[in-house]
Amino acid sequence: QDIALVLMDMARIQDGESPKDPTG
């Protein structure tokens, strides 16, 4: 679960967005 969420946030960052939950 944690790896999946990190991968999703990595994709967002690469696309110029911020993670939905930066602290998380």
PDBML (XML) file of the C-alpha atoms, coordinates in Angstrom:
<?xml version="1.0" encoding="UTF-8" ?>
<PDBx:datablock datablockName="MODEL"
   xmlns:PDBx="http://pdbml.pdb.org/schema/pdbx-v50.xsd"
   xmlns:xsi="http://www.w3.org/2001/XMLSchema-instance"
   xsi:schemaLocation="http://pdbml.pdb.org/schema/pdbx-v50.xsd pdbx-v50.xsd">
   <PDBx:atom_siteCategory>
      <PDBx:atom_site id="1">
         <PDBx:B_iso_or_equiv>0.00</PDBx:B_iso_or_equiv>
         <PDBx:Cartn_x>0.000</PDBx:Cartn_x>
         <PDBx:Cartn_y>0.000</PDBx:Cartn_y>
         <PDBx:Cartn_z>0.000</PDBx:Cartn_z>
         <PDBx:auth_asym_id>A</PDBx:auth_asym_id>
         <PDBx:auth_atom_id>CA</PDBx:auth_atom_id>
         <PDBx:auth_comp_id>GLN</PDBx:auth_comp_id>
         <PDBx:auth_seq_id>1</PDBx:auth_seq_id>
         <PDBx:group_PDB>ATOM</PDBx:group_PDB>
         <PDBx:label_alt_id xsi:nil="true" />
         <PDBx:label_asym_id>A</PDBx:label_asym_id>
         <PDBx:label_atom_id>CA</PDBx:label_atom_id>
         <PDBx:label_comp_id>GLN</PDBx:label_comp_id>
         <PDBx:label_entity_id>1</PDBx:label_entity_id>
         <PDBx:label_seq_id>1</PDBx:label_seq_id>
         <PDBx:occupancy>1.00</PDBx:occupancy>
         <PDBx:pdbx_PDB_model_num>1</PDBx:pdbx_PDB_model_num>
         <PDBx:type_symbol>C</PDBx:type_symbol>
      </PDBx:atom_site>
      <PDBx:atom_site id="2">
         <PDBx:B_iso_or_equiv>0.00</PDBx:B_iso_or_equiv>
         <PDBx:Cartn_x>2.696</PDBx:Cartn_x>
         <PDBx:Cartn_y>2.519</PDBx:Cartn_y>
         <PDBx:Cartn_z>0.980</PDBx:Cartn_z>
         <PDBx:auth_asym_id>A</PDBx:auth_asym_id>
         <PDBx:auth_atom_id>CA</PDBx:auth_atom_id>
         <PDBx:auth_comp_id>ASP</PDBx:auth_comp_id>
         <PDBx:auth_seq_id>2</PDBx:auth_seq_id>
         <PDBx:group_PDB>ATOM</PDBx:group_PDB>
         <PDBx:label_alt_id xsi:nil="true" />
         <PDBx:label_asym_id>A</PDBx:label_asym_id>
         <PDBx:label_atom_id>CA</PDBx:label_atom_id>
         <PDBx:label_comp_id>ASP</PDBx:label_comp_id>
         <PDBx:label_entity_id>1</PDBx:label_entity_id>
         <PDBx:label_seq_id>2</PDBx:label_seq_id>
         <PDBx:occupancy>1.00</PDBx:occupancy>
         <PDBx:pdbx_PDB_model_num>1</PDBx:pdbx_PDB_model_num>
         <PDBx:type_symbol>C</PDBx:type_symbol>
      </PDBx:atom_site>
      <PDBx:atom_site id="3">
         <PDBx:B_iso_or_equiv>0.00</PDBx:B_iso_or_equiv>
         <PDBx:Cartn_x>4.771</PDBx:Cartn_x>
         <PDBx:Cartn_y>1.787</PDBx:Cartn_y>
         <PDBx:Cartn_z>-2.118</PDBx:Cartn_z>
         <PDBx:auth_asym_id>A</PDBx:auth_asym_id>
         <PDBx:auth_atom_id>CA</PDBx:auth_atom_id>
         <PDBx:auth_comp_id>ILE</PDBx:auth_comp_id>
         <PDBx:auth_seq_id>3</PDBx:auth_seq_id>
         <PDBx:group_PDB>ATOM</PDBx:group_PDB>
         <PDBx:label_alt_id xsi:nil="true" />
         <PDBx:label_asym_id>A</PDBx:label_asym_id>
         <PDBx:label_atom_id>CA</PDBx:label_atom_id>
         <PDBx:label_comp_id>ILE</PDBx:label_comp_id>
         <PDBx:label_entity_id>1</PDBx:label_entity_id>
         <PDBx:label_seq_id>3</PDBx:label_seq_id>
         <PDBx:occupancy>1.00</PDBx:occupancy>
         <PDBx:pdbx_PDB_model_num>1</PDBx:pdbx_PDB_model_num>
         <PDBx:type_symbol>C</PDBx:type_symbol>
      </PDBx:atom_site>
      <PDBx:atom_site id="4">
         <PDBx:B_iso_or_equiv>0.00</PDBx:B_iso_or_equiv>
         <PDBx:Cartn_x>1.704</PDBx:Cartn_x>
         <PDBx:Cartn_y>2.222</PDBx:Cartn_y>
         <PDBx:Cartn_z>-4.361</PDBx:Cartn_z>
         <PDBx:auth_asym_id>A</PDBx:auth_asym_id>
         <PDBx:auth_atom_id>CA</PDBx:auth_atom_id>
         <PDBx:auth_comp_id>ALA</PDBx:auth_comp_id>
         <PDBx:auth_seq_id>4</PDBx:auth_seq_id>
         <PDBx:group_PDB>ATOM</PDBx:group_PDB>
         <PDBx:label_alt_id xsi:nil="true" />
         <PDBx:label_asym_id>A</PDBx:label_asym_id>
         <PDBx:label_atom_id>CA</PDBx:label_atom_id>
         <PDBx:label_comp_id>ALA</PDBx:label_comp_id>
         <PDBx:label_entity_id>1</PDBx:label_entity_id>
         <PDBx:label_seq_id>4</PDBx:label_seq_id>
         <PDBx:occupancy>1.00</PDBx:occupancy>
         <PDBx:pdbx_PDB_model_num>1</PDBx:pdbx_PDB_model_num>
         <PDBx:type_symbol>C</PDBx:type_symbol>
      </PDBx:atom_site>
      <PDBx:atom_site id="5">
         <PDBx:B_iso_or_equiv>0.00</PDBx:B_iso_or_equiv>
         <PDBx:Cartn_x>0.869</PDBx:Cartn_x>
         <PDBx:Cartn_y>5.589</PDBx:Cartn_y>
         <PDBx:Cartn_z>-2.824</PDBx:Cartn_z>
         <PDBx:auth_asym_id>A</PDBx:auth_asym_id>
         <PDBx:auth_atom_id>CA</PDBx:auth_atom_id>
         <PDBx:auth_comp_id>LEU</PDBx:auth_comp_id>
         <PDBx:auth_seq_id>5</PDBx:auth_seq_id>
         <PDBx:group_PDB>ATOM</PDBx:group_PDB>
         <PDBx:label_alt_id xsi:nil="true" />
         <PDBx:label_asym_id>A</PDBx:label_asym_id>
         <PDBx:label_atom_id>CA</PDBx:label_atom_id>
         <PDBx:label_comp_id>LEU</PDBx:label_comp_id>
         <PDBx:label_entity_id>1</PDBx:label_entity_id>
         <PDBx:label_seq_id>5</PDBx:label_seq_id>
         <PDBx:occupancy>1.00</PDBx:occupancy>
         <PDBx:pdbx_PDB_model_num>1</PDBx:pdbx_PDB_model_num>
         <PDBx:type_symbol>C</PDBx:type_symbol>
      </PDBx:atom_site>
      <PDBx:atom_site id="6">
         <PDBx:B_iso_or_equiv>0.00</PDBx:B_iso_or_equiv>
         <PDBx:Cartn_x>4.486</PDBx:Cartn_x>
         <PDBx:Cartn_y>6.745</PDBx:Cartn_y>
         <PDBx:Cartn_z>-3.080</PDBx:Cartn_z>
         <PDBx:auth_asym_id>A</PDBx:auth_asym_id>
         <PDBx:auth_atom_id>CA</PDBx:auth_atom_id>
         <PDBx:auth_comp_id>VAL</PDBx:auth_comp_id>
         <PDBx:auth_seq_id>6</PDBx:auth_seq_id>
         <PDBx:group_PDB>ATOM</PDBx:group_PDB>
         <PDBx:label_alt_id xsi:nil="true" />
         <PDBx:label_asym_id>A</PDBx:label_asym_id>
         <PDBx:label_atom_id>CA</PDBx:label_atom_id>
         <PDBx:label_comp_id>VAL</PDBx:label_comp_id>
         <PDBx:label_entity_id>1</PDBx:label_entity_id>
         <PDBx:label_seq_id>6</PDBx:label_seq_id>
         <PDBx:occupancy>1.00</PDBx:occupancy>
         <PDBx:pdbx_PDB_model_num>1</PDBx:pdbx_PDB_model_num>
         <PDBx:type_symbol>C</PDBx:type_symbol>
      </PDBx:atom_site>
      <PDBx:atom_site id="7">
         <PDBx:B_iso_or_equiv>0.00</PDBx:B_iso_or_equiv>
         <PDBx:Cartn_x>4.580</PDBx:Cartn_x>
         <PDBx:Cartn_y>5.730</PDBx:Cartn_y>
         <PDBx:Cartn_z>-6.765</PDBx:Cartn_z>
         <PDBx:auth_asym_id>A</PDBx:auth_asym_id>
         <PDBx:auth_atom_id>CA</PDBx:auth_atom_id>
         <PDBx:auth_comp_id>LEU</PDBx:auth_comp_id>
         <PDBx:auth_seq_id>7</PDBx:auth_seq_id>
         <PDBx:group_PDB>ATOM</PDBx:group_PDB>
         <PDBx:label_alt_id xsi:nil="true" />
         <PDBx:label_asym_id>A</PDBx:label_asym_id>
         <PDBx:label_atom_id>CA</PDBx:label_atom_id>
         <PDBx:label_comp_id>LEU</PDBx:label_comp_id>
         <PDBx:label_entity_id>1</PDBx:label_entity_id>
         <PDBx:label_seq_id>7</PDBx:label_seq_id>
         <PDBx:occupancy>1.00</PDBx:occupancy>
         <PDBx:pdbx_PDB_model_num>1</PDBx:pdbx_PDB_model_num>
         <PDBx:type_symbol>C</PDBx:type_symbol>
      </PDBx:atom_site>
      <PDBx:atom_site id="8">
         <PDBx:B_iso_or_equiv>0.00</PDBx:B_iso_or_equiv>
         <PDBx:Cartn_x>1.401</PDBx:Cartn_x>
         <PDBx:Cartn_y>7.726</PDBx:Cartn_y>
         <PDBx:Cartn_z>-7.389</PDBx:Cartn_z>
         <PDBx:auth_asym_id>A</PDBx:auth_asym_id>
         <PDBx:auth_atom_id>CA</PDBx:auth_atom_id>
         <PDBx:auth_comp_id>MET</PDBx:auth_comp_id>
         <PDBx:auth_seq_id>8</PDBx:auth_seq_id>
         <PDBx:group_PDB>ATOM</PDBx:group_PDB>
         <PDBx:label_alt_id xsi:nil="true" />
         <PDBx:label_asym_id>A</PDBx:label_asym_id>
         <PDBx:label_atom_id>CA</PDBx:label_atom_id>
         <PDBx:label_comp_id>MET</PDBx:label_comp_id>
         <PDBx:label_entity_id>1</PDBx:label_entity_id>
         <PDBx:label_seq_id>8</PDBx:label_seq_id>
         <PDBx:occupancy>1.00</PDBx:occupancy>
         <PDBx:pdbx_PDB_model_num>1</PDBx:pdbx_PDB_model_num>
         <PDBx:type_symbol>C</PDBx:type_symbol>
      </PDBx:atom_site>
      <PDBx:atom_site id="9">
         <PDBx:B_iso_or_equiv>0.00</PDBx:B_iso_or_equiv>
         <PDBx:Cartn_x>2.845</PDBx:Cartn_x>
         <PDBx:Cartn_y>10.803</PDBx:Cartn_y>
         <PDBx:Cartn_z>-5.669</PDBx:Cartn_z>
         <PDBx:auth_asym_id>A</PDBx:auth_asym_id>
         <PDBx:auth_atom_id>CA</PDBx:auth_atom_id>
         <PDBx:auth_comp_id>ASP</PDBx:auth_comp_id>
         <PDBx:auth_seq_id>9</PDBx:auth_seq_id>
         <PDBx:group_PDB>ATOM</PDBx:group_PDB>
         <PDBx:label_alt_id xsi:nil="true" />
         <PDBx:label_asym_id>A</PDBx:label_asym_id>
         <PDBx:label_atom_id>CA</PDBx:label_atom_id>
         <PDBx:label_comp_id>ASP</PDBx:label_comp_id>
         <PDBx:label_entity_id>1</PDBx:label_entity_id>
         <PDBx:label_seq_id>9</PDBx:label_seq_id>
         <PDBx:occupancy>1.00</PDBx:occupancy>
         <PDBx:pdbx_PDB_model_num>1</PDBx:pdbx_PDB_model_num>
         <PDBx:type_symbol>C</PDBx:type_symbol>
      </PDBx:atom_site>
      <PDBx:atom_site id="10">
         <PDBx:B_iso_or_equiv>0.00</PDBx:B_iso_or_equiv>
         <PDBx:Cartn_x>6.103</PDBx:Cartn_x>
         <PDBx:Cartn_y>10.397</PDBx:Cartn_y>
         <PDBx:Cartn_z>-7.590</PDBx:Cartn_z>
         <PDBx:auth_asym_id>A</PDBx:auth_asym_id>
         <PDBx:auth_atom_id>CA</PDBx:auth_atom_id>
         <PDBx:auth_comp_id>MET</PDBx:auth_comp_id>
         <PDBx:auth_seq_id>10</PDBx:auth_seq_id>
         <PDBx:group_PDB>ATOM</PDBx:group_PDB>
         <PDBx:label_alt_id xsi:nil="true" />
         <PDBx:label_asym_id>A</PDBx:label_asym_id>
         <PDBx:label_atom_id>CA</PDBx:label_atom_id>
         <PDBx:label_comp_id>MET</PDBx:label_comp_id>
         <PDBx:label_entity_id>1</PDBx:label_entity_id>
         <PDBx:label_seq_id>10</PDBx:label_seq_id>
         <PDBx:occupancy>1.00</PDBx:occupancy>
         <PDBx:pdbx_PDB_model_num>1</PDBx:pdbx_PDB_model_num>
         <PDBx:type_symbol>C</PDBx:type_symbol>
      </PDBx:atom_site>
      <PDBx:atom_site id="11">
         <PDBx:B_iso_or_equiv>0.00</PDBx:B_iso_or_equiv>
         <PDBx:Cartn_x>4.126</PDBx:Cartn_x>
         <PDBx:Cartn_y>10.465</PDBx:Cartn_y>
         <PDBx:Cartn_z>-10.822</PDBx:Cartn_z>
         <PDBx:auth_asym_id>A</PDBx:auth_asym_id>
         <PDBx:auth_atom_id>CA</PDBx:auth_atom_id>
         <PDBx:auth_comp_id>ALA</PDBx:auth_comp_id>
         <PDBx:auth_seq_id>11</PDBx:auth_seq_id>
         <PDBx:group_PDB>ATOM</PDBx:group_PDB>
         <PDBx:label_alt_id xsi:nil="true" />
         <PDBx:label_asym_id>A</PDBx:label_asym_id>
         <PDBx:label_atom_id>CA</PDBx:label_atom_id>
         <PDBx:label_comp_id>ALA</PDBx:label_comp_id>
         <PDBx:label_entity_id>1</PDBx:label_entity_id>
         <PDBx:label_seq_id>11</PDBx:label_seq_id>
         <PDBx:occupancy>1.00</PDBx:occupancy>
         <PDBx:pdbx_PDB_model_num>1</PDBx:pdbx_PDB_model_num>
         <PDBx:type_symbol>C</PDBx:type_symbol>
      </PDBx:atom_site>
      <PDBx:atom_site id="12">
         <PDBx:B_iso_or_equiv>0.00</PDBx:B_iso_or_equiv>
         <PDBx:Cartn_x>2.340</PDBx:Cartn_x>
         <PDBx:Cartn_y>13.625</PDBx:Cartn_y>
         <PDBx:Cartn_z>-9.676</PDBx:Cartn_z>
         <PDBx:auth_asym_id>A</PDBx:auth_asym_id>
         <PDBx:auth_atom_id>CA</PDBx:auth_atom_id>
         <PDBx:auth_comp_id>ARG</PDBx:auth_comp_id>
         <PDBx:auth_seq_id>12</PDBx:auth_seq_id>
         <PDBx:group_PDB>ATOM</PDBx:group_PDB>
         <PDBx:label_alt_id xsi:nil="true" />
         <PDBx:label_asym_id>A</PDBx:label_asym_id>
         <PDBx:label_atom_id>CA</PDBx:label_atom_id>
         <PDBx:label_comp_id>ARG</PDBx:label_comp_id>
         <PDBx:label_entity_id>1</PDBx:label_entity_id>
         <PDBx:label_seq_id>12</PDBx:label_seq_id>
         <PDBx:occupancy>1.00</PDBx:occupancy>
         <PDBx:pdbx_PDB_model_num>1</PDBx:pdbx_PDB_model_num>
         <PDBx:type_symbol>C</PDBx:type_symbol>
      </PDBx:atom_site>
      <PDBx:atom_site id="13">
         <PDBx:B_iso_or_equiv>0.00</PDBx:B_iso_or_equiv>
         <PDBx:Cartn_x>5.628</PDBx:Cartn_x>
         <PDBx:Cartn_y>15.354</PDBx:Cartn_y>
         <PDBx:Cartn_z>-8.801</PDBx:Cartn_z>
         <PDBx:auth_asym_id>A</PDBx:auth_asym_id>
         <PDBx:auth_atom_id>CA</PDBx:auth_atom_id>
         <PDBx:auth_comp_id>ILE</PDBx:auth_comp_id>
         <PDBx:auth_seq_id>13</PDBx:auth_seq_id>
         <PDBx:group_PDB>ATOM</PDBx:group_PDB>
         <PDBx:label_alt_id xsi:nil="true" />
         <PDBx:label_asym_id>A</PDBx:label_asym_id>
         <PDBx:label_atom_id>CA</PDBx:label_atom_id>
         <PDBx:label_comp_id>ILE</PDBx:label_comp_id>
         <PDBx:label_entity_id>1</PDBx:label_entity_id>
         <PDBx:label_seq_id>13</PDBx:label_seq_id>
         <PDBx:occupancy>1.00</PDBx:occupancy>
         <PDBx:pdbx_PDB_model_num>1</PDBx:pdbx_PDB_model_num>
         <PDBx:type_symbol>C</PDBx:type_symbol>
      </PDBx:atom_site>
      <PDBx:atom_site id="14">
         <PDBx:B_iso_or_equiv>0.00</PDBx:B_iso_or_equiv>
         <PDBx:Cartn_x>7.144</PDBx:Cartn_x>
         <PDBx:Cartn_y>14.403</PDBx:Cartn_y>
         <PDBx:Cartn_z>-12.164</PDBx:Cartn_z>
         <PDBx:auth_asym_id>A</PDBx:auth_asym_id>
         <PDBx:auth_atom_id>CA</PDBx:auth_atom_id>
         <PDBx:auth_comp_id>GLN</PDBx:auth_comp_id>
         <PDBx:auth_seq_id>14</PDBx:auth_seq_id>
         <PDBx:group_PDB>ATOM</PDBx:group_PDB>
         <PDBx:label_alt_id xsi:nil="true" />
         <PDBx:label_asym_id>A</PDBx:label_asym_id>
         <PDBx:label_atom_id>CA</PDBx:label_atom_id>
         <PDBx:label_comp_id>GLN</PDBx:label_comp_id>
         <PDBx:label_entity_id>1</PDBx:label_entity_id>
         <PDBx:label_seq_id>14</PDBx:label_seq_id>
         <PDBx:occupancy>1.00</PDBx:occupancy>
         <PDBx:pdbx_PDB_model_num>1</PDBx:pdbx_PDB_model_num>
         <PDBx:type_symbol>C</PDBx:type_symbol>
      </PDBx:atom_site>
      <PDBx:atom_site id="15">
         <PDBx:B_iso_or_equiv>0.00</PDBx:B_iso_or_equiv>
         <PDBx:Cartn_x>4.093</PDBx:Cartn_x>
         <PDBx:Cartn_y>15.916</PDBx:Cartn_y>
         <PDBx:Cartn_z>-13.837</PDBx:Cartn_z>
         <PDBx:auth_asym_id>A</PDBx:auth_asym_id>
         <PDBx:auth_atom_id>CA</PDBx:auth_atom_id>
         <PDBx:auth_comp_id>ASP</PDBx:auth_comp_id>
         <PDBx:auth_seq_id>15</PDBx:auth_seq_id>
         <PDBx:group_PDB>ATOM</PDBx:group_PDB>
         <PDBx:label_alt_id xsi:nil="true" />
         <PDBx:label_asym_id>A</PDBx:label_asym_id>
         <PDBx:label_atom_id>CA</PDBx:label_atom_id>
         <PDBx:label_comp_id>ASP</PDBx:label_comp_id>
         <PDBx:label_entity_id>1</PDBx:label_entity_id>
         <PDBx:label_seq_id>15</PDBx:label_seq_id>
         <PDBx:occupancy>1.00</PDBx:occupancy>
         <PDBx:pdbx_PDB_model_num>1</PDBx:pdbx_PDB_model_num>
         <PDBx:type_symbol>C</PDBx:type_symbol>
      </PDBx:atom_site>
      <PDBx:atom_site id="16">
         <PDBx:B_iso_or_equiv>0.00</PDBx:B_iso_or_equiv>
         <PDBx:Cartn_x>4.510</PDBx:Cartn_x>
         <PDBx:Cartn_y>19.242</PDBx:Cartn_y>
         <PDBx:Cartn_z>-12.025</PDBx:Cartn_z>
         <PDBx:auth_asym_id>A</PDBx:auth_asym_id>
         <PDBx:auth_atom_id>CA</PDBx:auth_atom_id>
         <PDBx:auth_comp_id>GLY</PDBx:auth_comp_id>
         <PDBx:auth_seq_id>16</PDBx:auth_seq_id>
         <PDBx:group_PDB>ATOM</PDBx:group_PDB>
         <PDBx:label_alt_id xsi:nil="true" />
         <PDBx:label_asym_id>A</PDBx:label_asym_id>
         <PDBx:label_atom_id>CA</PDBx:label_atom_id>
         <PDBx:label_comp_id>GLY</PDBx:label_comp_id>
         <PDBx:label_entity_id>1</PDBx:label_entity_id>
         <PDBx:label_seq_id>16</PDBx:label_seq_id>
         <PDBx:occupancy>1.00</PDBx:occupancy>
         <PDBx:pdbx_PDB_model_num>1</PDBx:pdbx_PDB_model_num>
         <PDBx:type_symbol>C</PDBx:type_symbol>
      </PDBx:atom_site>
      <PDBx:atom_site id="17">
         <PDBx:B_iso_or_equiv>0.00</PDBx:B_iso_or_equiv>
         <PDBx:Cartn_x>1.940</PDBx:Cartn_x>
         <PDBx:Cartn_y>18.656</PDBx:Cartn_y>
         <PDBx:Cartn_z>-9.281</PDBx:Cartn_z>
         <PDBx:auth_asym_id>A</PDBx:auth_asym_id>
         <PDBx:auth_atom_id>CA</PDBx:auth_atom_id>
         <PDBx:auth_comp_id>GLU</PDBx:auth_comp_id>
         <PDBx:auth_seq_id>17</PDBx:auth_seq_id>
         <PDBx:group_PDB>ATOM</PDBx:group_PDB>
         <PDBx:label_alt_id xsi:nil="true" />
         <PDBx:label_asym_id>A</PDBx:label_asym_id>
         <PDBx:label_atom_id>CA</PDBx:label_atom_id>
         <PDBx:label_comp_id>GLU</PDBx:label_comp_id>
         <PDBx:label_entity_id>1</PDBx:label_entity_id>
         <PDBx:label_seq_id>17</PDBx:label_seq_id>
         <PDBx:occupancy>1.00</PDBx:occupancy>
         <PDBx:pdbx_PDB_model_num>1</PDBx:pdbx_PDB_model_num>
         <PDBx:type_symbol>C</PDBx:type_symbol>
      </PDBx:atom_site>
      <PDBx:atom_site id="18">
         <PDBx:B_iso_or_equiv>0.00</PDBx:B_iso_or_equiv>
         <PDBx:Cartn_x>2.285</PDBx:Cartn_x>
         <PDBx:Cartn_y>18.362</PDBx:Cartn_y>
         <PDBx:Cartn_z>-5.520</PDBx:Cartn_z>
         <PDBx:auth_asym_id>A</PDBx:auth_asym_id>
         <PDBx:auth_atom_id>CA</PDBx:auth_atom_id>
         <PDBx:auth_comp_id>SER</PDBx:auth_comp_id>
         <PDBx:auth_seq_id>18</PDBx:auth_seq_id>
         <PDBx:group_PDB>ATOM</PDBx:group_PDB>
         <PDBx:label_alt_id xsi:nil="true" />
         <PDBx:label_asym_id>A</PDBx:label_asym_id>
         <PDBx:label_atom_id>CA</PDBx:label_atom_id>
         <PDBx:label_comp_id>SER</PDBx:label_comp_id>
         <PDBx:label_entity_id>1</PDBx:label_entity_id>
         <PDBx:label_seq_id>18</PDBx:label_seq_id>
         <PDBx:occupancy>1.00</PDBx:occupancy>
         <PDBx:pdbx_PDB_model_num>1</PDBx:pdbx_PDB_model_num>
         <PDBx:type_symbol>C</PDBx:type_symbol>
      </PDBx:atom_site>
      <PDBx:atom_site id="19">
         <PDBx:B_iso_or_equiv>0.00</PDBx:B_iso_or_equiv>
         <PDBx:Cartn_x>1.397</PDBx:Cartn_x>
         <PDBx:Cartn_y>15.193</PDBx:Cartn_y>
         <PDBx:Cartn_z>-3.603</PDBx:Cartn_z>
         <PDBx:auth_asym_id>A</PDBx:auth_asym_id>
         <PDBx:auth_atom_id>CA</PDBx:auth_atom_id>
         <PDBx:auth_comp_id>PRO</PDBx:auth_comp_id>
         <PDBx:auth_seq_id>19</PDBx:auth_seq_id>
         <PDBx:group_PDB>ATOM</PDBx:group_PDB>
         <PDBx:label_alt_id xsi:nil="true" />
         <PDBx:label_asym_id>A</PDBx:label_asym_id>
         <PDBx:label_atom_id>CA</PDBx:label_atom_id>
         <PDBx:label_comp_id>PRO</PDBx:label_comp_id>
         <PDBx:label_entity_id>1</PDBx:label_entity_id>
         <PDBx:label_seq_id>19</PDBx:label_seq_id>
         <PDBx:occupancy>1.00</PDBx:occupancy>
         <PDBx:pdbx_PDB_model_num>1</PDBx:pdbx_PDB_model_num>
         <PDBx:type_symbol>C</PDBx:type_symbol>
      </PDBx:atom_site>
      <PDBx:atom_site id="20">
         <PDBx:B_iso_or_equiv>0.00</PDBx:B_iso_or_equiv>
         <PDBx:Cartn_x>-2.223</PDBx:Cartn_x>
         <PDBx:Cartn_y>15.161</PDBx:Cartn_y>
         <PDBx:Cartn_z>-2.470</PDBx:Cartn_z>
         <PDBx:auth_asym_id>A</PDBx:auth_asym_id>
         <PDBx:auth_atom_id>CA</PDBx:auth_atom_id>
         <PDBx:auth_comp_id>LYS</PDBx:auth_comp_id>
         <PDBx:auth_seq_id>20</PDBx:auth_seq_id>
         <PDBx:group_PDB>ATOM</PDBx:group_PDB>
         <PDBx:label_alt_id xsi:nil="true" />
         <PDBx:label_asym_id>A</PDBx:label_asym_id>
         <PDBx:label_atom_id>CA</PDBx:label_atom_id>
         <PDBx:label_comp_id>LYS</PDBx:label_comp_id>
         <PDBx:label_entity_id>1</PDBx:label_entity_id>
         <PDBx:label_seq_id>20</PDBx:label_seq_id>
         <PDBx:occupancy>1.00</PDBx:occupancy>
         <PDBx:pdbx_PDB_model_num>1</PDBx:pdbx_PDB_model_num>
         <PDBx:type_symbol>C</PDBx:type_symbol>
      </PDBx:atom_site>
      <PDBx:atom_site id="21">
         <PDBx:B_iso_or_equiv>0.00</PDBx:B_iso_or_equiv>
         <PDBx:Cartn_x>-0.985</PDBx:Cartn_x>
         <PDBx:Cartn_y>14.683</PDBx:Cartn_y>
         <PDBx:Cartn_z>1.107</PDBx:Cartn_z>
         <PDBx:auth_asym_id>A</PDBx:auth_asym_id>
         <PDBx:auth_atom_id>CA</PDBx:auth_atom_id>
         <PDBx:auth_comp_id>ASP</PDBx:auth_comp_id>
         <PDBx:auth_seq_id>21</PDBx:auth_seq_id>
         <PDBx:group_PDB>ATOM</PDBx:group_PDB>
         <PDBx:label_alt_id xsi:nil="true" />
         <PDBx:label_asym_id>A</PDBx:label_asym_id>
         <PDBx:label_atom_id>CA</PDBx:label_atom_id>
         <PDBx:label_comp_id>ASP</PDBx:label_comp_id>
         <PDBx:label_entity_id>1</PDBx:label_entity_id>
         <PDBx:label_seq_id>21</PDBx:label_seq_id>
         <PDBx:occupancy>1.00</PDBx:occupancy>
         <PDBx:pdbx_PDB_model_num>1</PDBx:pdbx_PDB_model_num>
         <PDBx:type_symbol>C</PDBx:type_symbol>
      </PDBx:atom_site>
      <PDBx:atom_site id="22">
         <PDBx:B_iso_or_equiv>0.00</PDBx:B_iso_or_equiv>
         <PDBx:Cartn_x>2.593</PDBx:Cartn_x>
         <PDBx:Cartn_y>16.026</PDBx:Cartn_y>
         <PDBx:Cartn_z>1.411</PDBx:Cartn_z>
         <PDBx:auth_asym_id>A</PDBx:auth_asym_id>
         <PDBx:auth_atom_id>CA</PDBx:auth_atom_id>
         <PDBx:auth_comp_id>PRO</PDBx:auth_comp_id>
         <PDBx:auth_seq_id>22</PDBx:auth_seq_id>
         <PDBx:group_PDB>ATOM</PDBx:group_PDB>
         <PDBx:label_alt_id xsi:nil="true" />
         <PDBx:label_asym_id>A</PDBx:label_asym_id>
         <PDBx:label_atom_id>CA</PDBx:label_atom_id>
         <PDBx:label_comp_id>PRO</PDBx:label_comp_id>
         <PDBx:label_entity_id>1</PDBx:label_entity_id>
         <PDBx:label_seq_id>22</PDBx:label_seq_id>
         <PDBx:occupancy>1.00</PDBx:occupancy>
         <PDBx:pdbx_PDB_model_num>1</PDBx:pdbx_PDB_model_num>
         <PDBx:type_symbol>C</PDBx:type_symbol>
      </PDBx:atom_site>
      <PDBx:atom_site id="23">
         <PDBx:B_iso_or_equiv>0.00</PDBx:B_iso_or_equiv>
         <PDBx:Cartn_x>2.936</PDBx:Cartn_x>
         <PDBx:Cartn_y>14.963</PDBx:Cartn_y>
         <PDBx:Cartn_z>5.056</PDBx:Cartn_z>
         <PDBx:auth_asym_id>A</PDBx:auth_asym_id>
         <PDBx:auth_atom_id>CA</PDBx:auth_atom_id>
         <PDBx:auth_comp_id>THR</PDBx:auth_comp_id>
         <PDBx:auth_seq_id>23</PDBx:auth_seq_id>
         <PDBx:group_PDB>ATOM</PDBx:group_PDB>
         <PDBx:label_alt_id xsi:nil="true" />
         <PDBx:label_asym_id>A</PDBx:label_asym_id>
         <PDBx:label_atom_id>CA</PDBx:label_atom_id>
         <PDBx:label_comp_id>THR</PDBx:label_comp_id>
         <PDBx:label_entity_id>1</PDBx:label_entity_id>
         <PDBx:label_seq_id>23</PDBx:label_seq_id>
         <PDBx:occupancy>1.00</PDBx:occupancy>
         <PDBx:pdbx_PDB_model_num>1</PDBx:pdbx_PDB_model_num>
         <PDBx:type_symbol>C</PDBx:type_symbol>
      </PDBx:atom_site>
      <PDBx:atom_site id="24">
         <PDBx:B_iso_or_equiv>0.00</PDBx:B_iso_or_equiv>
         <PDBx:Cartn_x>1.673</PDBx:Cartn_x>
         <PDBx:Cartn_y>11.468</PDBx:Cartn_y>
         <PDBx:Cartn_z>4.322</PDBx:Cartn_z>
         <PDBx:auth_asym_id>A</PDBx:auth_asym_id>
         <PDBx:auth_atom_id>CA</PDBx:auth_atom_id>
         <PDBx:auth_comp_id>GLY</PDBx:auth_comp_id>
         <PDBx:auth_seq_id>24</PDBx:auth_seq_id>
         <PDBx:group_PDB>ATOM</PDBx:group_PDB>
         <PDBx:label_alt_id xsi:nil="true" />
         <PDBx:label_asym_id>A</PDBx:label_asym_id>
         <PDBx:label_atom_id>CA</PDBx:label_atom_id>
         <PDBx:label_comp_id>GLY</PDBx:label_comp_id>
         <PDBx:label_entity_id>1</PDBx:label_entity_id>
         <PDBx:label_seq_id>24</PDBx:label_seq_id>
         <PDBx:occupancy>1.00</PDBx:occupancy>
         <PDBx:pdbx_PDB_model_num>1</PDBx:pdbx_PDB_model_num>
         <PDBx:type_symbol>C</PDBx:type_symbol>
      </PDBx:atom_site>
   </PDBx:atom_siteCategory>
</PDBx:datablock>
